[in-house]
């Protein structure tokens, strides 16, 4: 199957790429409008692929977002990460994470996490900078996730999705069995 477009195919949609870049920079539509001299409504329409910007307008938007114009038209790359080459992070609180995706992936971050019995993120809730949404899938064991003061008791096969900006924390409630979970953050933590 060829990935090349033909003349009859729909044009490349870039609105979501611009929106993602704006959100990664924690920039509002108003701020982008002011930085580019374009109206907020027009920028919003461009992000929803309902308006086609001129090249000059697109260049101004890209400059304000600090991205290259060419990056909007790059084909998505395929990245292979062998298990033995994952980035390992040892939190020291009984939590070991391995980054499954690379740092170069701008859309999401996937973490393979092992939590020893009694281990976790600590009692103080946190909110990661940059991520909008978090998802966790428990592969083995049990995981208590506290989101905005509400306790969710997850077992193997259970998942939870929540806004990343809401204060949260997690822990393995078991005294005997480790927990393994996959966490997905989008966009990646800054």
Protein backbone atom coordinates (compact mmCIF):
# COMPACT_ATOMS: atom_id res chain seq x y z
CA UNK A 1 0.00 0.00 0.00
CA UNK A 2 1.47 3.34 -1.04
CA UNK A 3 1.49 6.31 1.33
CA UNK A 4 1.61 8.82 -1.54
CA UNK A 5 -1.44 10.97 -2.15
CA UNK A 6 -3.01 11.33 -5.54
CA UNK A 7 -4.46 14.53 -7.00
CA UNK A 8 -8.00 13.38 -6.14
CA UNK A 9 -7.31 12.86 -2.44
CA UNK A 10 -8.27 15.28 0.29
CA UNK A 11 -5.63 17.91 1.21
CA UNK A 12 -3.38 17.46 4.23
CA UNK A 13 -5.06 18.57 7.44
CA UNK A 14 -2.76 20.56 9.72
CA UNK A 15 -5.19 22.17 12.17
CA UNK A 16 -4.73 19.53 14.88
CA UNK A 17 -0.95 19.85 14.59
CA UNK A 18 -1.16 23.60 15.16
CA UNK A 19 -3.54 23.15 18.09
CA UNK A 20 -1.27 20.49 19.65
CA UNK A 21 1.75 22.81 19.28
CA UNK A 22 -0.20 25.68 20.88
CA UNK A 23 -1.32 23.52 23.80
CA UNK A 24 2.21 22.17 24.35
CA UNK A 25 3.34 25.78 24.72
CA UNK A 26 0.41 26.40 27.11
CA UNK A 27 -0.69 29.23 24.87
CA UNK A 28 -4.32 30.37 24.60
CA UNK A 29 -6.05 31.24 21.34
CA UNK A 30 -6.01 34.88 22.45
CA UNK A 31 -2.25 34.79 23.06
CA UNK A 32 -1.62 33.18 19.67
CA UNK A 33 -3.90 35.74 18.03
CA UNK A 34 -1.99 38.60 19.64
CA UNK A 35 1.38 37.08 18.72
CA UNK A 36 0.42 36.68 15.06
CA UNK A 37 -1.85 39.66 14.46
CA UNK A 38 -4.58 37.27 13.27
CA UNK A 39 -8.04 37.22 14.79
CA UNK A 40 -8.86 34.67 17.47
CA UNK A 41 -11.77 33.42 15.36
CA UNK A 42 -9.57 32.88 12.31
CA UNK A 43 -6.93 31.00 14.33
CA UNK A 44 -9.67 28.82 15.82
CA UNK A 45 -11.04 28.06 12.35
CA UNK A 46 -7.54 27.16 11.11
CA UNK A 47 -7.08 24.78 14.06
CA UNK A 48 -10.35 23.07 13.11
CA UNK A 49 -9.37 22.89 9.42
CA UNK A 50 -12.34 25.11 8.54
CA UNK A 51 -10.20 27.96 7.18
CA UNK A 52 -7.17 27.81 4.91
CA UNK A 53 -4.47 30.25 5.94
CA UNK A 54 -2.24 32.01 3.45
CA UNK A 55 1.41 31.00 3.49
CA UNK A 56 2.24 34.31 5.21
CA UNK A 57 -0.36 33.64 7.94
CA UNK A 58 0.86 30.09 8.38
CA UNK A 59 4.46 31.30 8.71
CA UNK A 60 3.37 33.79 11.42
CA UNK A 61 1.53 31.04 13.30
CA UNK A 62 4.52 28.69 13.08
CA UNK A 63 6.92 31.40 14.28
CA UNK A 64 4.69 32.18 17.26
CA UNK A 65 4.50 28.46 18.10
CA UNK A 66 8.24 28.02 17.51
CA UNK A 67 7.75 25.16 15.05
CA UNK A 68 8.97 24.80 11.49
CA UNK A 69 6.56 25.12 8.61
CA UNK A 70 7.93 21.88 7.19
CA UNK A 71 7.07 19.95 10.35
CA UNK A 72 3.38 20.34 9.50
CA UNK A 73 3.82 18.32 6.35
CA UNK A 74 6.24 15.66 7.51
CA UNK A 75 4.96 12.13 7.29
CA UNK A 76 4.58 10.57 10.73
CA UNK A 77 7.70 8.61 11.48
CA UNK A 78 7.82 5.06 12.68
CA UNK A 79 10.04 4.65 15.72
CA UNK A 80 11.16 1.28 17.04
CA UNK A 81 12.22 1.14 20.69
CA UNK A 82 13.71 -2.23 21.68
CA UNK A 83 12.86 -3.25 25.26
CA UNK A 84 16.53 -3.22 26.23
CA UNK A 85 16.95 0.41 25.07
CA UNK A 86 14.08 1.98 27.03
CA UNK A 87 14.90 4.92 29.29
CA UNK A 88 14.68 3.71 32.89
CA UNK A 89 13.64 5.95 35.77
CA UNK A 90 13.95 4.71 39.37
CA UNK A 91 11.91 6.93 41.67
CA UNK A 92 13.31 5.48 44.87
CA UNK A 93 9.78 5.11 46.34
CA UNK A 94 9.40 1.55 45.14
CA UNK A 95 8.54 2.73 41.61
CA UNK A 96 10.52 1.91 38.48
CA UNK A 97 9.40 3.32 35.14
CA UNK A 98 10.54 2.66 31.62
CA UNK A 99 9.65 5.13 28.90
CA UNK A 100 8.17 3.08 26.04
CA UNK A 101 7.97 6.04 23.64
CA UNK A 102 10.88 8.32 22.78
CA UNK A 103 11.26 11.90 23.98
CA UNK A 104 10.92 12.98 20.36
CA UNK A 105 7.27 11.83 20.24
CA UNK A 106 5.24 15.07 20.59
CA UNK A 107 1.76 13.57 20.96
CA UNK A 108 1.95 11.14 23.84
CA UNK A 109 4.17 9.57 26.44
CA UNK A 110 3.82 5.90 27.39
CA UNK A 111 5.38 4.55 30.58
CA UNK A 112 5.71 0.92 31.69
CA UNK A 113 5.68 1.06 35.48
CA UNK A 114 6.44 -1.49 38.20
CA UNK A 115 5.41 -0.55 41.75
CA UNK A 116 6.76 -2.63 44.61
CA UNK A 117 4.45 -3.55 47.54
CA UNK A 118 3.63 -0.37 49.47
CA UNK A 119 5.36 1.78 46.84
CA UNK A 120 3.86 4.74 45.04
CA UNK A 121 4.05 8.41 44.26
CA UNK A 122 3.75 9.51 47.88
CA UNK A 123 0.90 11.02 49.88
CA UNK A 124 1.07 14.50 48.35
CA UNK A 125 -1.05 14.80 45.16
CA UNK A 126 0.67 16.20 42.07
CA UNK A 127 -0.19 17.42 38.56
CA UNK A 128 2.42 16.93 35.80
CA UNK A 129 3.31 20.00 33.77
CA UNK A 130 2.30 19.87 30.13
CA UNK A 131 0.01 16.84 30.07
CA UNK A 132 -3.72 17.32 29.57
CA UNK A 133 -4.96 13.78 30.06
CA UNK A 134 -3.67 10.66 31.79
CA UNK A 135 -4.65 7.06 31.29
CA UNK A 136 -3.54 4.07 33.36
CA UNK A 137 -4.07 0.37 32.64
CA UNK A 138 -3.22 -2.14 35.38
CA UNK A 139 -1.58 -5.23 33.90
CA UNK A 140 -0.79 -7.07 37.15
CA UNK A 141 -1.63 -6.57 40.81
CA UNK A 142 -3.60 -3.74 42.34
CA UNK A 143 -3.28 0.03 42.17
CA UNK A 144 -4.99 2.71 44.24
CA UNK A 145 -5.25 5.98 42.34
CA UNK A 146 -6.51 9.03 44.21
CA UNK A 147 -7.82 11.73 41.86
CA UNK A 148 -8.98 15.00 43.42
CA UNK A 149 -9.49 13.20 46.74
CA UNK A 150 -11.50 10.30 45.26
CA UNK A 151 -10.07 6.79 45.62
CA UNK A 152 -10.17 4.40 42.65
CA UNK A 153 -9.17 0.83 43.50
CA UNK A 154 -7.91 -0.79 40.29
CA UNK A 155 -7.13 -4.46 39.68
CA UNK A 156 -5.51 -6.23 36.72
CA UNK A 157 -7.42 -5.30 33.56
CA UNK A 158 -8.94 -2.11 35.03
CA UNK A 159 -8.18 1.29 33.54
CA UNK A 160 -8.75 4.91 34.50
CA UNK A 161 -8.70 8.10 32.43
CA UNK A 162 -8.64 11.55 34.06
CA UNK A 163 -7.54 15.16 33.46
CA UNK A 164 -3.83 15.42 34.28
CA UNK A 165 -4.27 18.91 35.77
CA UNK A 166 -6.37 17.46 38.62
CA UNK A 167 -4.19 16.70 41.68
CA UNK A 168 -3.63 12.95 41.98
CA UNK A 169 -1.35 10.28 43.38
CA UNK A 170 -1.10 6.49 43.38
CA UNK A 171 0.13 3.57 45.45
CA UNK A 172 0.32 -0.20 45.45
CA UNK A 173 -1.88 -1.22 48.41
CA UNK A 174 -0.47 -4.76 48.53
CA UNK A 175 2.08 -5.80 51.13
CA UNK A 176 3.17 -8.84 49.10
CA UNK A 177 2.69 -8.38 45.35
CA UNK A 178 4.20 -5.88 42.92
CA UNK A 179 1.96 -4.00 40.48
CA UNK A 180 2.63 -3.45 36.80
CA UNK A 181 0.80 -0.67 34.96
CA UNK A 182 0.97 1.22 31.69
CA UNK A 183 0.54 5.01 31.93
CA UNK A 184 -0.21 7.20 28.93
CA UNK A 185 0.09 11.01 29.10
CA UNK A 186 -0.96 13.32 26.31
CA UNK A 187 0.72 15.48 25.37
CA UNK A 188 3.97 14.36 27.02
CA UNK A 189 5.09 15.95 30.25
CA UNK A 190 7.15 19.05 29.50
